[in-house]
Amino acid sequence: MSESIQTKPARVAYLDILRIIAAFAIVMIHASTETMGNISIDSSAWNAVNVYDSLSRWGVPVFVMISGALFLEREHTYRKLFCRNILHMAIAYLFWSVFYAVVPYLRHPEMLDAKTVLKNFLDTNNYLWFLLMMIGIYLIVPMLKRIVENEKIAWAFVILFFVFAVFIPQTVSLIKLGNENAAEIINGPVKSLKMNFVLGFPGYFILGYLLHKNAIKKGVRITLYALGILGAAITIVGTSLVIRYLQKTSVLFYDNFAMNVFFVSTAVFVAVKQICKNPMKTQKAADRLAFFSKCTFGVYLIHPILITFSVNMLHIDVYGWMPYISIPIFAVVIFAGSYLISIVMNKIPIVKKWLV
């Protein structure tokens, strides 16, 4: 009889699988939109970008939900959080901030000086904001742990999060498209409520824990799947309509806190939990999956430079040839390349401990 994964009960296979899929979703977003500003919104290439971008927007929320499922299961002292999690994120942020501040100038070293590097370093990198956000969540993990000890309070937190961070802001933004004064009439009193406590990613953090700990009934799952499919369709169609209406870029339906993204993120989390609910058949398979899951952090950190190198050095144009095919191929190549580099880095003790 094969050895069961149950010898390591703390390892949850579906969360590892979910993390790998979410990492690919994030790579897909960046691979498809790297030079999106250079193509016409009336072109088939733009439509292809919008489809792939829209279908991948759940990546970051699900990453946060996975962290919540894992972190809120156990107690964390501030000493442990600072010495392990926060310090790790801080060192990784500093290293990769310097890396991305310097790398763009390697082809033109004459333009590189201390002032330029410092300026680029202080400008929060588009990809590294996630590390700072996670540091912020780690700082309040012990408090969030107290909240989830009472499930009713935890669900109340998520409901307030949905109302004040998801539903009202997007509703106001939609109203604002047609009538700014009407939008402000709603937004003014809401802003005065100062509901900052339930705003932001801690809502996703707690939601991930609740979805992880509770069995989701079949009827609820079907409803969530339907909302997820509807949310994905709204992301695609809504983004296309709004951008054509405004004649400029809009992230109204792309935002991590858009209702459509919220429903897609929840549906993906629940679907993968349901599909991959069985444990791995052997401990060896579980350990291998856990290692690949760990490497996703490196993938997140590394993939931007591979995209930049491919576009600027190799002059790869994913929009020039059958974009509905070339974009996912490009994303897979970037994902695989990032994974290979991350695997190597995770074999180096000090690097895997602090930088990836």
Protein backbone atom coordinates (compact mmCIF):
# COMPACT_ATOMS: atom_id res chain seq x y z
CA MET A 1 0.00 0.00 0.00
CA SER A 2 1.35 3.44 -0.88
CA GLU A 3 2.37 5.85 1.83
CA SER A 4 -0.32 8.41 2.54
CA ILE A 5 0.17 12.14 2.68
CA GLN A 6 -1.62 12.07 6.02
CA THR A 7 1.76 11.55 7.67
CA LYS A 8 2.07 15.32 7.18
CA PRO A 9 -1.40 16.67 7.95
CA ALA A 10 -0.32 20.32 7.82
CA ARG A 11 0.34 20.04 4.07
CA VAL A 12 -2.78 20.65 2.02
CA ALA A 13 -2.40 19.54 -1.60
CA TYR A 14 -5.13 21.71 -3.10
CA LEU A 15 -3.56 24.87 -1.67
CA ASP A 16 -0.24 23.98 -3.28
CA ILE A 17 -1.98 23.33 -6.61
CA LEU A 18 -3.97 26.55 -6.26
CA ARG A 19 -0.81 28.55 -5.61
CA ILE A 20 0.84 27.20 -8.78
CA ILE A 21 -2.24 28.00 -10.88
CA ALA A 22 -2.48 31.49 -9.35
CA ALA A 23 1.19 32.14 -10.15
CA PHE A 24 0.50 31.31 -13.79
CA ALA A 25 -2.53 33.62 -13.78
CA ILE A 26 -0.33 36.50 -12.62
CA VAL A 27 2.28 35.72 -15.28
CA MET A 28 -0.51 35.67 -17.87
CA ILE A 29 -1.65 39.16 -16.83
CA HIS A 30 1.81 40.65 -17.22
CA ALA A 31 2.75 38.64 -20.32
CA SER A 32 -0.41 39.73 -22.14
CA THR A 33 -0.31 43.40 -21.16
CA GLU A 34 3.41 44.26 -21.36
CA THR A 35 2.97 46.51 -24.41
CA MET A 36 -0.82 46.76 -24.39
CA GLY A 37 -0.68 50.55 -24.62
CA ASN A 38 0.81 50.30 -28.11
CA ILE A 39 -2.17 48.57 -29.73
CA SER A 40 -5.51 49.98 -30.84
CA ILE A 41 -8.56 49.19 -28.72
CA ASP A 42 -10.37 48.35 -31.96
CA SER A 43 -7.92 45.62 -32.95
CA SER A 44 -8.27 41.86 -32.53
CA ALA A 45 -4.99 41.92 -30.60
CA TRP A 46 -6.52 44.20 -27.97
CA ASN A 47 -9.55 41.92 -27.71
CA ALA A 48 -7.26 38.93 -27.16
CA VAL A 49 -5.33 40.78 -24.46
CA ASN A 50 -8.58 41.75 -22.76
CA VAL A 51 -9.83 38.15 -22.76
CA TYR A 52 -6.66 36.67 -21.26
CA ASP A 53 -6.16 39.54 -18.84
CA SER A 54 -9.78 39.36 -17.68
CA LEU A 55 -9.67 35.60 -17.15
CA SER A 56 -6.52 35.93 -14.99
CA ARG A 57 -7.45 38.77 -12.66
CA TRP A 58 -8.21 36.40 -9.79
CA GLY A 59 -4.50 35.58 -9.32
CA VAL A 60 -3.56 38.09 -6.62
CA PRO A 61 -6.76 37.75 -4.52
CA VAL A 62 -6.38 33.96 -4.53
CA PHE A 63 -2.73 34.25 -3.48
CA VAL A 64 -3.89 36.28 -0.47
CA MET A 65 -6.71 33.81 0.26
CA ILE A 66 -4.20 30.94 0.29
CA SER A 67 -2.04 32.83 2.78
CA GLY A 68 -5.07 33.40 4.99
CA ALA A 69 -6.00 29.70 4.86
CA LEU A 70 -2.51 28.77 6.04
CA PHE A 71 -1.63 31.56 8.47
CA LEU A 72 -4.89 31.72 10.38
CA GLU A 73 -4.90 28.00 11.12
CA ARG A 74 -2.26 28.40 13.82
CA GLU A 75 -0.95 30.88 16.36
CA HIS A 76 1.79 33.33 15.42
CA THR A 77 3.79 35.38 17.88
CA TYR A 78 5.13 38.73 16.78
CA ARG A 79 8.65 37.45 17.36
CA LYS A 80 8.08 34.60 14.90
CA LEU A 81 6.36 36.88 12.40
CA PHE A 82 9.17 39.45 12.50
CA CYS A 83 12.06 36.97 12.50
CA ARG A 84 10.68 34.79 9.73
CA ASN A 85 7.92 36.24 7.59
CA ILE A 86 8.33 40.01 7.82
CA LEU A 87 12.11 39.94 7.68
CA HIS A 88 11.99 37.59 4.70
CA MET A 89 9.60 39.87 2.82
CA ALA A 90 11.56 43.00 3.75
CA ILE A 91 14.91 41.59 2.59
CA ALA A 92 13.37 40.22 -0.60
CA TYR A 93 11.74 43.59 -1.26
CA LEU A 94 14.99 45.50 -0.76
CA PHE A 95 17.00 43.12 -2.94
CA TRP A 96 14.55 42.99 -5.83
CA SER A 97 13.87 46.73 -5.64
CA VAL A 98 17.58 47.38 -6.17
CA PHE A 99 17.67 44.70 -8.87
CA TYR A 100 14.82 46.26 -10.84
CA ALA A 101 16.24 49.76 -10.27
CA VAL A 102 19.56 48.78 -11.87
CA VAL A 103 18.70 46.21 -14.55
CA PRO A 104 16.98 48.60 -17.02
CA TYR A 105 20.26 50.52 -17.35
CA LEU A 106 22.62 47.60 -17.95
CA ARG A 107 22.39 48.19 -21.72
CA HIS A 108 23.27 51.85 -21.17
CA PRO A 109 25.56 51.95 -18.12
CA GLU A 110 26.56 55.53 -18.89
CA MET A 111 23.05 56.56 -17.79
CA LEU A 112 23.40 54.77 -14.47
CA ASP A 113 24.18 56.89 -11.43
CA ALA A 114 23.37 56.82 -7.73
CA LYS A 115 20.59 59.41 -8.05
CA THR A 116 18.82 57.45 -10.78
CA VAL A 117 19.10 54.17 -8.88
CA LEU A 118 17.77 55.81 -5.72
CA LYS A 119 14.85 57.35 -7.61
CA ASN A 120 13.93 54.01 -9.20
CA PHE A 121 14.35 52.25 -5.88
CA LEU A 122 12.00 54.62 -4.06
CA ASP A 123 9.36 54.35 -6.77
CA THR A 124 7.40 51.26 -5.69
CA ASN A 125 7.87 48.71 -8.45
CA ASN A 126 4.70 47.59 -10.22
CA TYR A 127 5.38 44.00 -9.26
CA LEU A 128 6.80 44.44 -5.77
CA TRP A 129 3.85 46.18 -4.13
CA PHE A 130 2.60 42.70 -3.24
CA LEU A 131 5.51 42.20 -0.82
CA LEU A 132 4.78 45.41 1.04
CA MET A 133 1.09 44.54 1.19
CA MET A 134 1.91 41.13 2.70
CA ILE A 135 4.14 42.77 5.32
CA GLY A 136 1.15 44.91 6.26
CA ILE A 137 -1.03 41.82 6.66
CA TYR A 138 1.63 39.98 8.67
CA LEU A 139 1.66 42.89 11.12
CA ILE A 140 -2.00 42.27 11.97
CA VAL A 141 -2.09 38.46 11.73
CA PRO A 142 -2.38 37.98 15.53
CA MET A 143 -5.43 40.30 15.53
CA LEU A 144 -6.98 38.58 12.53
CA LYS A 145 -6.46 35.28 14.34
CA ARG A 146 -8.61 36.55 17.21
CA ILE A 147 -11.34 37.50 14.72
CA VAL A 148 -11.53 34.06 13.08
CA GLU A 149 -11.77 32.33 16.46
CA ASN A 150 -15.43 33.38 16.33
CA GLU A 151 -16.81 32.28 12.97
CA LYS A 152 -19.82 34.61 13.09
CA ILE A 153 -17.57 37.60 13.64
CA ALA A 154 -15.26 36.39 10.87
CA TRP A 155 -18.15 36.17 8.41
CA ALA A 156 -19.37 39.58 9.56
CA PHE A 157 -15.89 40.95 8.76
CA VAL A 158 -16.07 39.44 5.26
CA ILE A 159 -19.58 40.83 4.69
CA LEU A 160 -18.45 44.31 5.74
CA PHE A 161 -15.40 43.91 3.50
CA PHE A 162 -17.62 43.00 0.56
CA VAL A 163 -20.00 45.91 1.17
CA PHE A 164 -17.45 48.67 1.82
CA ALA A 165 -14.40 47.50 -0.17
CA VAL A 166 -16.09 45.76 -3.11
CA PHE A 167 -19.77 46.60 -3.70
CA ILE A 168 -20.00 50.31 -2.83
CA PRO A 169 -16.72 51.47 -4.45
CA GLN A 170 -17.49 49.75 -7.76
CA THR A 171 -21.10 50.92 -7.71
CA VAL A 172 -19.92 54.48 -7.14
CA SER A 173 -17.39 54.15 -9.98
CA LEU A 174 -20.10 52.91 -12.35
CA ILE A 175 -22.45 55.76 -11.40
CA LYS A 176 -19.58 58.20 -11.86
CA LEU A 177 -19.32 57.23 -15.53
CA GLY A 178 -22.68 58.89 -16.11
CA ASN A 179 -23.09 61.37 -13.29
CA GLU A 180 -20.21 62.50 -11.06
CA ASN A 181 -22.48 64.50 -8.76
CA ALA A 182 -24.73 61.50 -8.05
CA ALA A 183 -21.67 59.37 -7.36
CA GLU A 184 -20.34 61.90 -4.87
CA ILE A 185 -23.71 62.04 -3.07
CA ILE A 186 -23.25 58.35 -2.30
CA ASN A 187 -19.50 58.34 -1.83
CA GLY A 188 -19.34 61.32 0.54
CA PRO A 189 -21.24 59.78 3.46
CA VAL A 190 -19.58 56.38 2.91
CA LYS A 191 -16.11 57.92 3.11
CA SER A 192 -17.15 59.73 6.28
CA LEU A 193 -17.92 56.38 7.93
CA LYS A 194 -14.15 55.67 7.90
CA MET A 195 -14.55 51.91 7.51
CA ASN A 196 -10.79 51.48 7.00
CA PHE A 197 -10.65 48.46 9.31
CA VAL A 198 -12.52 46.26 6.83
CA LEU A 199 -10.99 47.69 3.66
CA GLY A 200 -8.18 46.07 1.71
CA PHE A 201 -6.69 42.60 1.46
CA PRO A 202 -7.34 41.39 5.03
CA GLY A 203 -10.89 40.69 3.79
CA TYR A 204 -9.56 38.22 1.23
CA PHE A 205 -7.18 36.86 3.88
CA ILE A 206 -10.04 35.97 6.23
CA LEU A 207 -12.27 34.77 3.38
CA GLY A 208 -9.59 32.29 2.32
CA TYR A 209 -9.45 30.87 5.84
CA LEU A 210 -13.24 30.51 6.07
CA LEU A 211 -13.52 28.81 2.68
CA HIS A 212 -10.67 26.50 3.63
CA LYS A 213 -12.05 25.48 7.03
CA ASN A 214 -15.69 25.05 6.08
CA ALA A 215 -17.31 22.45 3.84
CA ILE A 216 -19.13 24.25 1.05
CA LYS A 217 -22.51 22.69 0.25
CA LYS A 218 -23.21 21.64 -3.32
CA GLY A 219 -25.92 24.25 -3.84
CA VAL A 220 -23.65 27.02 -2.60
CA ARG A 221 -20.80 25.76 -4.82
CA ILE A 222 -23.02 25.81 -7.90
CA THR A 223 -24.13 29.36 -7.07
CA LEU A 224 -20.51 30.46 -6.62
CA TYR A 225 -19.51 28.84 -9.91
CA ALA A 226 -22.35 30.62 -11.70
CA LEU A 227 -21.31 33.94 -10.16
CA GLY A 228 -17.71 33.22 -11.13
CA ILE A 229 -18.62 32.58 -14.77
CA LEU A 230 -20.80 35.69 -14.77
CA GLY A 231 -17.98 37.67 -13.16
CA ALA A 232 -15.49 36.55 -15.83
CA ALA A 233 -17.93 37.55 -18.59
CA ILE A 234 -18.52 40.94 -16.95
CA THR A 235 -14.78 41.52 -16.71
CA ILE A 236 -14.31 40.90 -20.43
CA VAL A 237 -17.38 42.72 -21.73
CA GLY A 238 -17.42 45.48 -19.10
CA THR A 239 -13.77 46.40 -19.68
CA SER A 240 -14.30 46.53 -23.43
CA LEU A 241 -17.39 48.75 -23.11
CA VAL A 242 -15.91 51.13 -20.53
CA ILE A 243 -12.62 51.63 -22.38
CA ARG A 244 -14.43 52.32 -25.63
CA TYR A 245 -16.75 54.72 -23.82
CA LEU A 246 -13.91 56.59 -22.12
CA GLN A 247 -11.45 56.16 -25.00
CA LYS A 248 -8.71 55.54 -22.45
CA THR A 249 -7.44 52.79 -20.19
CA SER A 250 -9.67 51.79 -17.28
CA VAL A 251 -9.18 49.19 -14.55
CA LEU A 252 -12.75 49.46 -13.27
CA PHE A 253 -13.42 45.76 -13.94
CA TYR A 254 -9.78 44.66 -13.53
CA ASP A 255 -9.36 45.89 -9.98
CA ASN A 256 -8.65 43.31 -7.27
CA PHE A 257 -11.71 44.61 -5.39
CA ALA A 258 -14.12 44.70 -8.31
CA MET A 259 -17.25 42.61 -7.65
CA ASN A 260 -16.65 40.53 -10.76
CA VAL A 261 -13.07 39.74 -9.68
CA PHE A 262 -14.27 38.95 -6.17
CA PHE A 263 -16.75 36.37 -7.48
CA VAL A 264 -14.26 34.81 -9.89
CA SER A 265 -11.62 34.57 -7.14
CA THR A 266 -14.07 32.91 -4.74
CA ALA A 267 -15.28 30.49 -7.42
CA VAL A 268 -11.74 29.48 -8.42
CA PHE A 269 -10.74 28.86 -4.80
CA VAL A 270 -13.80 26.71 -4.11
CA ALA A 271 -13.54 24.84 -7.44
CA VAL A 272 -9.89 23.85 -6.94
CA LYS A 273 -10.62 22.85 -3.35
CA GLN A 274 -13.42 20.59 -4.57
CA ILE A 275 -11.59 19.11 -7.56
CA CYS A 276 -8.29 18.53 -5.73
CA LYS A 277 -9.70 17.57 -2.34
CA ASN A 278 -8.04 14.15 -2.25
CA PRO A 279 -4.56 13.89 -0.71
CA MET A 280 -1.52 12.99 -2.80
CA LYS A 281 -0.99 9.25 -3.09
CA THR A 282 2.59 9.21 -1.82
CA GLN A 283 4.72 11.34 0.46
CA LYS A 284 7.26 11.76 -2.34
CA ALA A 285 4.59 13.25 -4.60
CA ALA A 286 3.41 15.52 -1.78
CA ASP A 287 6.95 16.75 -1.10
CA ARG A 288 7.54 17.40 -4.80
CA LEU A 289 4.30 19.37 -5.06
CA ALA A 290 5.19 21.34 -1.92
CA PHE A 291 8.57 22.28 -3.43
CA PHE A 292 7.01 23.46 -6.70
CA SER A 293 4.47 25.42 -4.67
CA LYS A 294 7.23 27.13 -2.70
CA CYS A 295 8.97 28.10 -5.94
CA THR A 296 5.99 30.22 -7.02
CA PHE A 297 7.25 33.15 -4.95
CA GLY A 298 10.42 33.13 -7.03
CA VAL A 299 8.32 32.93 -10.19
CA TYR A 300 6.45 36.04 -9.11
CA LEU A 301 9.71 37.92 -8.51
CA ILE A 302 11.57 36.72 -11.59
CA HIS A 303 9.01 36.74 -14.40
CA PRO A 304 8.99 40.54 -14.98
CA ILE A 305 12.64 40.60 -16.02
CA LEU A 306 12.10 37.72 -18.45
CA ILE A 307 9.17 39.55 -20.01
CA THR A 308 11.22 42.75 -20.30
CA PHE A 309 14.16 40.87 -21.78
CA SER A 310 11.93 39.08 -24.30
CA VAL A 311 10.22 42.27 -25.45
CA ASN A 312 13.12 44.73 -25.38
CA MET A 313 16.10 42.51 -26.22
CA LEU A 314 14.61 39.71 -28.30
CA HIS A 315 11.93 42.01 -29.77
CA ILE A 316 9.19 39.45 -29.32
CA ASP A 317 5.82 40.82 -30.41
CA VAL A 318 2.97 38.70 -29.05
CA TYR A 319 0.41 40.84 -30.85
CA GLY A 320 1.84 40.53 -34.35
CA TRP A 321 0.91 36.91 -35.01
CA MET A 322 -2.41 35.30 -34.03
CA PRO A 323 -2.58 36.88 -30.54
CA TYR A 324 -5.16 34.40 -29.25
CA ILE A 325 -2.47 31.73 -29.71
CA SER A 326 0.76 33.68 -29.26
CA ILE A 327 -0.19 35.27 -25.93
CA PRO A 328 -0.75 32.00 -24.00
CA ILE A 329 2.34 30.46 -25.63
CA PHE A 330 4.41 33.46 -24.53
CA ALA A 331 2.95 33.22 -21.01
CA VAL A 332 3.79 29.51 -20.78
CA VAL A 333 7.38 30.13 -21.92
CA ILE A 334 7.85 32.96 -19.41
CA PHE A 335 6.26 30.86 -16.67
CA ALA A 336 8.48 27.86 -17.42
CA GLY A 337 11.63 30.00 -17.63
CA SER A 338 10.81 31.74 -14.35
CA TYR A 339 10.14 28.38 -12.72
CA LEU A 340 13.50 26.97 -13.82
CA ILE A 341 15.36 29.97 -12.41
CA SER A 342 13.32 29.85 -9.20
CA ILE A 343 14.05 26.14 -8.78
CA VAL A 344 17.78 26.80 -9.07
CA MET A 345 17.59 29.69 -6.60
CA ASN A 346 15.63 27.51 -4.18
CA LYS A 347 18.53 25.06 -4.17
CA ILE A 348 20.89 27.70 -2.73
CA PRO A 349 20.38 27.85 1.08
CA ILE A 350 20.81 31.57 1.80
CA VAL A 351 19.01 32.59 -1.39
CA LYS A 352 15.97 30.39 -0.79
CA LYS A 353 15.76 31.59 2.82
CA TRP A 354 15.74 35.32 2.14
CA LEU A 355 15.35 36.20 -1.55
CA VAL A 356 12.75 33.80 -3.02
